[in-house]
PDB file of N, CA and C in Angstrom:
ATOM      1  N   MET A   1     106.758  89.732  92.713  1.00  0.00           N
ATOM      2  CA  MET A   1     105.583  88.796  93.248  1.00  0.00           C
ATOM      3  C   MET A   1     105.677  87.633  93.724  1.00  0.00           C
ATOM      4  N   PRO A   2     104.971  87.463  94.743  1.00  0.00           N
ATOM      5  CA  PRO A   2     105.571  85.953  95.584  1.00  0.00           C
ATOM      6  C   PRO A   2     105.125  85.125  94.885  1.00  0.00           C
ATOM      7  N   CYS A   3     105.768  83.932  95.446  1.00  0.00           N
ATOM      8  CA  CYS A   3     105.479  82.529  94.433  1.00  0.00           C
ATOM      9  C   CYS A   3     104.107  81.957  94.872  1.00  0.00           C
ATOM     10  N   GLU A   4     103.284  81.113  94.227  1.00  0.00           N
ATOM     11  CA  GLU A   4     102.129  80.478  94.588  1.00  0.00           C
ATOM     12  C   GLU A   4     101.654  80.156  95.626  1.00  0.00           C
ATOM     13  N   HIS A   5     102.584  79.348  96.217  1.00  0.00           N
ATOM     14  CA  HIS A   5     102.483  78.859  97.435  1.00  0.00           C
ATOM     15  C   HIS A   5     102.948  79.550  98.684  1.00  0.00           C
ATOM     16  N   CYS A   6     103.328  80.853  98.516  1.00  0.00           N
ATOM     17  CA  CYS A   6     103.684  81.636  99.624  1.00  0.00           C
ATOM     18  C   CYS A   6     102.718  82.802  99.798  1.00  0.00           C
ATOM     19  N   VAL A   7     101.486  82.793  99.041  1.00  0.00           N
ATOM     20  CA  VAL A   7     100.442  83.753  99.071  1.00  0.00           C
ATOM     21  C   VAL A   7      99.602  83.579 100.181  1.00  0.00           C
ATOM     22  N   LYS A   8      99.282  84.194 101.170  1.00  0.00           N
ATOM     23  CA  LYS A   8      97.957  83.704 102.133  1.00  0.00           C
ATOM     24  C   LYS A   8      96.942  83.713 101.441  1.00  0.00           C
ATOM     25  N   LYS A   9      95.894  83.041 101.838  1.00  0.00           N
ATOM     26  CA  LYS A   9      94.389  82.947 101.339  1.00  0.00           C
ATOM     27  C   LYS A   9      93.679  82.542 102.502  1.00  0.00           C
ATOM     28  N   THR A  10      92.342  82.797 102.305  1.00  0.00           N
ATOM     29  CA  THR A  10      91.361  82.467 103.393  1.00  0.00           C
ATOM     30  C   THR A  10      90.267  81.651 102.591  1.00  0.00           C
ATOM     31  N   GLU A  11      90.022  80.444 103.091  1.00  0.00           N
ATOM     32  CA  GLU A  11      89.048  79.640 102.611  1.00  0.00           C
ATOM     33  C   GLU A  11      87.688  80.097 103.237  1.00  0.00           C
ATOM     34  N   ARG A  12      86.665  80.400 102.586  1.00  0.00           N
ATOM     35  CA  ARG A  12      85.476  80.839 102.968  1.00  0.00           C
ATOM     36  C   ARG A  12      84.088  79.752 102.535  1.00  0.00           C
ATOM     37  N   SER A  13      83.300  79.815 103.346  1.00  0.00           N
ATOM     38  CA  SER A  13      82.203  78.681 103.095  1.00  0.00           C
ATOM     39  C   SER A  13      81.513  79.325 101.711  1.00  0.00           C
ATOM     40  N   ASP A  14      80.666  78.607 101.272  1.00  0.00           N
ATOM     41  CA  ASP A  14      79.743  79.210 100.419  1.00  0.00           C
ATOM     42  C   ASP A  14      78.892  80.381 100.755  1.00  0.00           C
ATOM     43  N   GLU A  15      78.417  80.107 101.996  1.00  0.00           N
ATOM     44  CA  GLU A  15      77.489  80.750 102.562  1.00  0.00           C
ATOM     45  C   GLU A  15      78.030  82.213 103.106  1.00  0.00           C
ATOM     46  N   GLU A  16      79.247  81.974 103.618  1.00  0.00           N
ATOM     47  CA  GLU A  16      79.900  83.215 103.846  1.00  0.00           C
ATOM     48  C   GLU A  16      80.113  84.115 102.406  1.00  0.00           C
ATOM     49  N   LYS A  17      80.816  83.390 101.504  1.00  0.00           N
ATOM     50  CA  LYS A  17      80.872  83.964 100.310  1.00  0.00           C
ATOM     51  C   LYS A  17      79.678  84.790  99.765  1.00  0.00           C
ATOM     52  N   LYS A  18      78.637  84.220  99.936  1.00  0.00           N
ATOM     53  CA  LYS A  18      77.251  84.727  99.337  1.00  0.00           C
ATOM     54  C   LYS A  18      77.065  85.918 100.086  1.00  0.00           C
ATOM     55  N   ARG A  19      77.100  85.850 101.586  1.00  0.00           N
ATOM     56  CA  ARG A  19      76.865  87.116 102.103  1.00  0.00           C
ATOM     57  C   ARG A  19      77.750  88.240 101.916  1.00  0.00           C
ATOM     58  N   LEU A  20      78.886  88.285 101.810  1.00  0.00           N
ATOM     59  CA  LEU A  20      79.907  89.171 101.396  1.00  0.00           C
ATOM     60  C   LEU A  20      79.740  89.757  99.972  1.00  0.00           C
ATOM     61  N   ILE A  21      79.577  88.745  99.180  1.00  0.00           N
ATOM     62  CA  ILE A  21      78.854  89.326  97.626  1.00  0.00           C
ATOM     63  C   ILE A  21      77.730  89.885  97.641  1.00  0.00           C
ATOM     64  N   ASN A  22      76.769  89.621  98.563  1.00  0.00           N
ATOM     65  CA  ASN A  22      75.659  90.246  98.440  1.00  0.00           C
ATOM     66  C   ASN A  22      75.912  91.785  99.067  1.00  0.00           C
ATOM     67  N   ARG A  23      76.601  91.833  99.824  1.00  0.00           N
ATOM     68  CA  ARG A  23      76.731  93.152 100.581  1.00  0.00           C
ATOM     69  C   ARG A  23      77.408  94.271  99.523  1.00  0.00           C
ATOM     70  N   LEU A  24      78.470  93.456  98.898  1.00  0.00           N
ATOM     71  CA  LEU A  24      79.321  94.384  97.899  1.00  0.00           C
ATOM     72  C   LEU A  24      78.308  94.663  96.548  1.00  0.00           C
ATOM     73  N   SER A  25      77.517  93.658  96.023  1.00  0.00           N
ATOM     74  CA  SER A  25      76.448  94.052  95.159  1.00  0.00           C
ATOM     75  C   SER A  25      75.508  95.119  95.730  1.00  0.00           C
ATOM     76  N   ARG A  26      75.136  95.231  96.571  1.00  0.00           N
ATOM     77  CA  ARG A  26      74.303  96.443  97.370  1.00  0.00           C
ATOM     78  C   ARG A  26      75.161  97.686  97.442  1.00  0.00           C
ATOM     79  N   LEU A  27      76.460  97.646  97.471  1.00  0.00           N
ATOM     80  CA  LEU A  27      77.210  98.523  97.444  1.00  0.00           C
ATOM     81  C   LEU A  27      77.562  99.354  96.068  1.00  0.00           C
ATOM     82  N   GLU A  28      77.730  98.132  95.212  1.00  0.00           N
ATOM     83  CA  GLU A  28      77.546  98.654  93.707  1.00  0.00           C
ATOM     84  C   GLU A  28      76.533  99.471  93.386  1.00  0.00           C
ATOM     85  N   GLY A  29      75.383  98.770  93.604  1.00  0.00           N
ATOM     86  CA  GLY A  29      74.203  99.454  93.343  1.00  0.00           C
ATOM     87  C   GLY A  29      74.009 100.929  93.906  1.00  0.00           C
ATOM     88  N   GLN A  30      74.584 100.879  95.122  1.00  0.00           N
ATOM     89  CA  GLN A  30      74.367 102.387  95.616  1.00  0.00           C
ATOM     90  C   GLN A  30      75.542 103.497  94.960  1.00  0.00           C
ATOM     91  N   ILE A  31      76.513 102.884  94.757  1.00  0.00           N
ATOM     92  CA  ILE A  31      77.555 103.698  93.833  1.00  0.00           C
ATOM     93  C   ILE A  31      76.998 104.207  92.510  1.00  0.00           C
ATOM     94  N   ARG A  32      76.410 103.008  91.802  1.00  0.00           N
ATOM     95  CA  ARG A  32      75.961 103.444  90.645  1.00  0.00           C
ATOM     96  C   ARG A  32      74.663 104.531  90.851  1.00  0.00           C
ATOM     97  N   GLY A  33      74.060 104.239  91.641  1.00  0.00           N
ATOM     98  CA  GLY A  33      72.778 105.555  91.930  1.00  0.00           C
ATOM     99  C   GLY A  33      73.295 106.787  92.306  1.00  0.00           C
ATOM    100  N   ILE A  34      74.648 106.837  93.241  1.00  0.00           N
ATOM    101  CA  ILE A  34      75.257 108.182  93.447  1.00  0.00           C
ATOM    102  C   ILE A  34      75.564 108.567  92.230  1.00  0.00           C
ATOM    103  N   ARG A  35      76.308 108.079  91.285  1.00  0.00           N
ATOM    104  CA  ARG A  35      76.944 108.522  89.983  1.00  0.00           C
ATOM    105  C   ARG A  35      75.574 108.878  89.169  1.00  0.00           C
ATOM    106  N   ALA A  36      74.631 108.267  89.255  1.00  0.00           N
ATOM    107  CA  ALA A  36      73.537 108.726  88.021  1.00  0.00           C
ATOM    108  C   ALA A  36      72.844 110.219  89.067  1.00  0.00           C
ATOM    109  N   MET A  37      73.099 110.212  90.389  1.00  0.00           N
ATOM    110  CA  MET A  37      72.603 111.532  90.737  1.00  0.00           C
ATOM    111  C   MET A  37      73.492 112.571  90.573  1.00  0.00           C
ATOM    112  N   VAL A  38      74.506 112.407  90.225  1.00  0.00           N
ATOM    113  CA  VAL A  38      75.691 113.379  90.121  1.00  0.00           C
ATOM    114  C   VAL A  38      75.214 113.692  88.520  1.00  0.00           C
ATOM    115  N   GLU A  39      75.209 112.785  87.513  1.00  0.00           N
ATOM    116  CA  GLU A  39      74.861 112.864  86.213  1.00  0.00           C
ATOM    117  C   GLU A  39      73.723 113.595  85.953  1.00  0.00           C
ATOM    118  N   ASN A  40      72.695 113.307  86.953  1.00  0.00           N
ATOM    119  CA  ASN A  40      71.279 114.313  86.675  1.00  0.00           C
ATOM    120  C   ASN A  40      71.212 115.498  87.665  1.00  0.00           C
ATOM    121  N   ASP A  41      72.313 115.885  87.880  1.00  0.00           N
ATOM    122  CA  ASP A  41      72.431 117.466  88.706  1.00  0.00           C
ATOM    123  C   ASP A  41      71.329 117.502  90.052  1.00  0.00           C
ATOM    124  N   ALA A  42      71.522 116.185  90.656  1.00  0.00           N
ATOM    125  CA  ALA A  42      70.771 116.014  91.954  1.00  0.00           C
ATOM    126  C   ALA A  42      71.107 117.128  93.027  1.00  0.00           C
ATOM    127  N   TYR A  43      70.555 117.362  93.877  1.00  0.00           N
ATOM    128  CA  TYR A  43      70.723 118.436  95.128  1.00  0.00           C
ATOM    129  C   TYR A  43      71.988 117.929  95.808  1.00  0.00           C
ATOM    130  N   CYS A  44      73.020 118.578  96.290  1.00  0.00           N
ATOM    131  CA  CYS A  44      74.112 118.157  96.843  1.00  0.00           C
ATOM    132  C   CYS A  44      73.930 117.330  98.140  1.00  0.00           C
ATOM    133  N   VAL A  45      72.844 118.021  98.910  1.00  0.00           N
ATOM    134  CA  VAL A  45      72.667 117.268 100.174  1.00  0.00           C
ATOM    135  C   VAL A  45      72.046 115.856  99.897  1.00  0.00           C
ATOM    136  N   ASP A  46      71.045 115.811  98.843  1.00  0.00           N
ATOM    137  CA  ASP A  46      70.620 114.441  98.657  1.00  0.00           C
ATOM    138  C   ASP A  46      71.940 113.280  98.259  1.00  0.00           C
ATOM    139  N   ILE A  47      72.692 113.823  97.359  1.00  0.00           N
ATOM    140  CA  ILE A  47      73.776 113.050  96.997  1.00  0.00           C
ATOM    141  C   ILE A  47      74.659 112.798  98.029  1.00  0.00           C
ATOM    142  N   LEU A  48      74.950 113.601  99.119  1.00  0.00           N
ATOM    143  CA  LEU A  48      75.784 113.377 100.600  1.00  0.00           C
ATOM    144  C   LEU A  48      74.825 112.561 101.012  1.00  0.00           C
ATOM    145  N   THR A  49      73.610 112.480 101.391  1.00  0.00           N
ATOM    146  CA  THR A  49      72.943 111.472 102.132  1.00  0.00           C
ATOM    147  C   THR A  49      73.138 110.108 101.546  1.00  0.00           C
ATOM    148  N   GLN A  50      73.000 109.868 100.328  1.00  0.00           N
ATOM    149  CA  GLN A  50      73.266 108.624  99.742  1.00  0.00           C
ATOM    150  C   GLN A  50      74.639 108.215  99.784  1.00  0.00           C
ATOM    151  N   SER A  51      75.695 109.093  99.793  1.00  0.00           N
ATOM    152  CA  SER A  51      77.142 108.788  99.938  1.00  0.00           C
ATOM    153  C   SER A  51      77.344 108.247 101.405  1.00  0.00           C
ATOM    154  N   ALA A  52      76.746 109.075 102.334  1.00  0.00           N
ATOM    155  CA  ALA A  52      76.625 108.361 103.735  1.00  0.00           C
ATOM    156  C   ALA A  52      76.161 107.339 103.918  1.00  0.00           C
ATOM    157  N   ALA A  53      74.999 106.937 103.072  1.00  0.00           N
ATOM    158  CA  ALA A  53      74.533 105.385 103.320  1.00  0.00           C
ATOM    159  C   ALA A  53      75.211 104.562 102.798  1.00  0.00           C
ATOM    160  N   ALA A  54      76.033 104.879 101.699  1.00  0.00           N
ATOM    161  CA  ALA A  54      77.276 103.911 101.096  1.00  0.00           C
ATOM    162  C   ALA A  54      78.299 103.574 102.087  1.00  0.00           C
ATOM    163  N   ARG A  55      78.680 104.742 102.594  1.00  0.00           N
ATOM    164  CA  ARG A  55      79.921 104.659 103.534  1.00  0.00           C
ATOM    165  C   ARG A  55      79.559 103.746 104.827  1.00  0.00           C
ATOM    166  N   SER A  56      78.462 103.922 105.032  1.00  0.00           N
ATOM    167  CA  SER A  56      77.864 103.164 106.272  1.00  0.00           C
ATOM    168  C   SER A  56      77.895 101.676 105.764  1.00  0.00           C
ATOM    169  N   ALA A  57      77.187 101.199 104.649  1.00  0.00           N
ATOM    170  CA  ALA A  57      77.359 100.009 104.184  1.00  0.00           C
ATOM    171  C   ALA A  57      78.617  99.520 104.152  1.00  0.00           C
ATOM    172  N   PHE A  58      79.624 100.143 103.375  1.00  0.00           N
ATOM    173  CA  PHE A  58      80.871  99.742 103.336  1.00  0.00           C
ATOM    174  C   PHE A  58      81.494  99.560 104.764  1.00  0.00           C
ATOM    175  N   GLY A  59      81.292 100.113 105.784  1.00  0.00           N
ATOM    176  CA  GLY A  59      81.436  99.750 107.301  1.00  0.00           C
ATOM    177  C   GLY A  59      80.946  98.580 107.581  1.00  0.00           C
ATOM    178  N   ALA A  60      79.954  98.158 107.336  1.00  0.00           N
ATOM    179  CA  ALA A  60      79.341  97.165 107.691  1.00  0.00           C
ATOM    180  C   ALA A  60      79.904  95.741 106.959  1.00  0.00           C
ATOM    181  N   PHE A  61      80.238  95.969 105.868  1.00  0.00           N
ATOM    182  CA  PHE A  61      81.065  95.000 104.948  1.00  0.00           C
ATOM    183  C   PHE A  61      82.559  94.787 105.919  1.00  0.00           C
ATOM    184  N   ASN A  62      82.948  95.801 106.092  1.00  0.00           N
ATOM    185  CA  ASN A  62      84.400  95.596 106.757  1.00  0.00           C
ATOM    186  C   ASN A  62      84.429  95.148 108.009  1.00  0.00           C
ATOM    187  N   ARG A  63      83.221  95.487 108.965  1.00  0.00           N
ATOM    188  CA  ARG A  63      83.365  94.841 110.105  1.00  0.00           C
ATOM    189  C   ARG A  63      82.908  93.376 110.155  1.00  0.00           C
ATOM    190  N   GLU A  64      82.007  92.888 109.374  1.00  0.00           N
ATOM    191  CA  GLU A  64      81.862  91.564 108.746  1.00  0.00           C
ATOM    192  C   GLU A  64      83.217  90.879 108.581  1.00  0.00           C
ATOM    193  N   LEU A  65      83.972  91.201 107.782  1.00  0.00           N
ATOM    194  CA  LEU A  65      84.954  90.675 107.306  1.00  0.00           C
ATOM    195  C   LEU A  65      86.420  90.871 108.281  1.00  0.00           C
ATOM    196  N   LEU A  66      86.130  92.077 108.989  1.00  0.00           N
ATOM    197  CA  LEU A  66      87.243  91.760 110.105  1.00  0.00           C
ATOM    198  C   LEU A  66      86.927  90.766 111.064  1.00  0.00           C
ATOM    199  N   ARG A  67      85.654  90.790 111.524  1.00  0.00           N
ATOM    200  CA  ARG A  67      85.141  89.858 112.575  1.00  0.00           C
ATOM    201  C   ARG A  67      85.641  88.292 112.395  1.00  0.00           C
ATOM    202  N   ARG A  68      85.282  87.875 111.022  1.00  0.00           N
ATOM    203  CA  ARG A  68      85.832  86.678 110.368  1.00  0.00           C
ATOM    204  C   ARG A  68      87.195  86.674 110.386  1.00  0.00           C
ATOM    205  N   HIS A  69      88.068  87.553 110.053  1.00  0.00           N
ATOM    206  CA  HIS A  69      89.412  87.378 110.183  1.00  0.00           C
ATOM    207  C   HIS A  69      89.943  87.138 111.511  1.00  0.00           C
ATOM    208  N   ILE A  70      89.304  88.115 112.451  1.00  0.00           N
ATOM    209  CA  ILE A  70      89.932  87.631 113.848  1.00  0.00           C
ATOM    210  C   ILE A  70      89.480  86.467 114.293  1.00  0.00           C
ATOM    211  N   GLU A  71      88.189  86.088 113.804  1.00  0.00           N
ATOM    212  CA  GLU A  71      87.847  84.737 114.572  1.00  0.00           C
ATOM    213  C   GLU A  71      88.449  83.378 114.049  1.00  0.00           C
ATOM    214  N   GLY A  72      88.875  83.616 112.783  1.00  0.00           N
ATOM    215  CA  GLY A  72      89.401  82.667 112.019  1.00  0.00           C
ATOM    216  C   GLY A  72      90.895  82.662 111.979  1.00  0.00           C
ATOM    217  N   CYS A  73      91.456  83.632 110.869  1.00  0.00           N
ATOM    218  CA  CYS A  73      92.881  83.895 110.398  1.00  0.00           C
ATOM    219  C   CYS A  73      93.766  84.263 111.800  1.00  0.00           C
ATOM    220  N   VAL A  74      93.205  85.069 112.445  1.00  0.00           N
ATOM    221  CA  VAL A  74      94.182  85.492 113.523  1.00  0.00           C
ATOM    222  C   VAL A  74      94.288  84.440 114.754  1.00  0.00           C
ATOM    223  N   VAL A  75      93.062  83.977 115.072  1.00  0.00           N
ATOM    224  CA  VAL A  75      93.201  82.921 116.118  1.00  0.00           C
ATOM    225  C   VAL A  75      94.027  81.720 115.917  1.00  0.00           C
ATOM    226  N   ARG A  76      93.667  81.072 114.269  1.00  0.00           N
ATOM    227  CA  ARG A  76      94.426  80.097 113.752  1.00  0.00           C
ATOM    228  C   ARG A  76      96.183  80.375 113.955  1.00  0.00           C
ATOM    229  N   ASP A  77      96.463  81.720 113.493  1.00  0.00           N
ATOM    230  CA  ASP A  77      97.988  82.040 113.301  1.00  0.00           C
ATOM    231  C   ASP A  77      98.552  82.004 114.707  1.00  0.00           C
ATOM    232  N   ILE A  78      97.845  82.660 115.817  1.00  0.00           N
ATOM    233  CA  ILE A  78      98.364  82.833 117.134  1.00  0.00           C
ATOM    234  C   ILE A  78      98.395  81.457 117.829  1.00  0.00           C
ATOM    235  N   LYS A  79      97.779  80.506 117.477  1.00  0.00           N
ATOM    236  CA  LYS A  79      97.575  79.108 117.834  1.00  0.00           C
ATOM    237  C   LYS A  79      98.824  78.464 117.307  1.00  0.00           C
ATOM    238  N   ALA A  80      99.492  78.683 116.337  1.00  0.00           N
ATOM    239  CA  ALA A  80     100.353  78.114 115.326  1.00  0.00           C
ATOM    240  C   ALA A  80     101.707  78.862 115.938  1.00  0.00           C
ATOM    241  N   GLY A  81     101.503  79.654 116.772  1.00  0.00           N
ATOM    242  CA  GLY A  81     102.673  80.556 117.098  1.00  0.00           C
ATOM    243  C   GLY A  81     103.276  81.733 116.366  1.00  0.00           C
ATOM    244  N   ASP A  82     102.520  82.307 115.326  1.00  0.00           N
ATOM    245  CA  ASP A  82     102.548  83.334 114.529  1.00  0.00           C
ATOM    246  C   ASP A  82     102.261  84.659 115.115  1.00  0.00           C
ATOM    247  N   GLY A  83     102.974  85.165 115.840  1.00  0.00           N
ATOM    248  CA  GLY A  83     102.724  86.454 116.346  1.00  0.00           C
ATOM    249  C   GLY A  83     102.730  87.826 115.638  1.00  0.00           C
ATOM    250  N   GLU A  84     103.158  87.576 114.482  1.00  0.00           N
ATOM    251  CA  GLU A  84     103.172  88.390 113.553  1.00  0.00           C
ATOM    252  C   GLU A  84     101.722  88.983 112.719  1.00  0.00           C
ATOM    253  N   VAL A  85     100.762  88.100 113.083  1.00  0.00           N
ATOM    254  CA  VAL A  85      99.593  88.295 112.760  1.00  0.00           C
ATOM    255  C   VAL A  85      99.099  89.380 113.590  1.00  0.00           C
ATOM    256  N   VAL A  86      99.116  89.558 114.851  1.00  0.00           N
ATOM    257  CA  VAL A  86      98.947  90.709 115.513  1.00  0.00           C
ATOM    258  C   VAL A  86      99.408  92.091 114.928  1.00  0.00           C
ATOM    259  N   ASP A  87     100.608  92.342 114.631  1.00  0.00           N
ATOM    260  CA  ASP A  87     101.138  93.392 114.026  1.00  0.00           C
ATOM    261  C   ASP A  87     100.240  93.835 112.582  1.00  0.00           C
ATOM    262  N   GLU A  88     100.140  92.580 111.947  1.00  0.00           N
ATOM    263  CA  GLU A  88      99.224  92.665 110.543  1.00  0.00           C
ATOM    264  C   GLU A  88      97.860  93.336 110.705  1.00  0.00           C
ATOM    265  N   LEU A  89      97.212  92.696 111.890  1.00  0.00           N
ATOM    266  CA  LEU A  89      95.815  93.033 112.424  1.00  0.00           C
ATOM    267  C   LEU A  89      95.976  94.642 112.996  1.00  0.00           C
ATOM    268  N   MET A  90      96.777  95.227 113.779  1.00  0.00           N
ATOM    269  CA  MET A  90      97.105  96.447 113.988  1.00  0.00           C
ATOM    270  C   MET A  90      97.029  97.326 112.959  1.00  0.00           C
ATOM    271  N   ASP A  91      97.729  96.945 112.034  1.00  0.00           N
ATOM    272  CA  ASP A  91      98.124  97.668 110.795  1.00  0.00           C
ATOM    273  C   ASP A  91      96.715  97.823 109.850  1.00  0.00           C
ATOM    274  N   ILE A  92      95.982  97.063 109.841  1.00  0.00           N
ATOM    275  CA  ILE A  92      94.852  97.129 109.218  1.00  0.00           C
ATOM    276  C   ILE A  92      93.536  97.978 109.791  1.00  0.00           C
ATOM    277  N   ILE A  93      93.594  97.612 111.178  1.00  0.00           N
ATOM    278  CA  ILE A  93      92.795  98.266 112.019  1.00  0.00           C
ATOM    279  C   ILE A  93      93.119  99.935 111.930  1.00  0.00           C
ATOM    280  N   GLY A  94      94.085 100.129 111.865  1.00  0.00           N
ATOM    281  CA  GLY A  94      94.868 101.628 111.668  1.00  0.00           C
ATOM    282  C   GLY A  94      94.474 101.969 110.381  1.00  0.00           C
ATOM    283  N   LYS A  95      94.504 101.233 109.508  1.00  0.00           N
ATOM    284  CA  LYS A  95      94.100 101.892 108.031  1.00  0.00           C
ATOM    285  C   LYS A  95      92.409 102.005 107.889  1.00  0.00           C
ATOM    286  N   MET A  96      91.880 101.132 108.671  1.00  0.00           N
ATOM    287  CA  MET A  96      90.411 101.170 108.597  1.00  0.00           C
ATOM    288  C   MET A  96      89.849 102.457 109.588  1.00  0.00           C
ATOM    289  N   MET A  97      90.680 102.879 110.648  1.00  0.00           N
ATOM    290  CA  MET A  97      90.108 104.035 111.430  1.00  0.00           C
ATOM    291  C   MET A  97      90.533 105.277 110.936  1.00  0.00           C
ATOM    292  N   LYS A  98      91.125 105.499 109.585  1.00  0.00           N
ATOM    293  CA  LYS A  98      91.534 106.714 109.100  1.00  0.00           C
ATOM    294  C   LYS A  98      90.361 107.401 108.354  1.00  0.00           C
TER     295      LYS A  98
END
């Protein structure tokens, strides 16, 4: 486990945290709704429709977080001469595209 001062962190404004947490709260609600649909033997197509909506919502969350990462963390690190951040960015984009 890395030492405490070696771990990367991202400072977020209260407004940004609130936006991200609101998105995650809506996602949690959608997932709970899908679970209830399964438990109540809902029609497969209805469950799949809700699952697609949750996937879309998760995509929106990821796009918002990725935009913030590029505009903040990536730009900052490149300006500081840390080119490794580009490899890190490409790795995460690759994971997101799977």
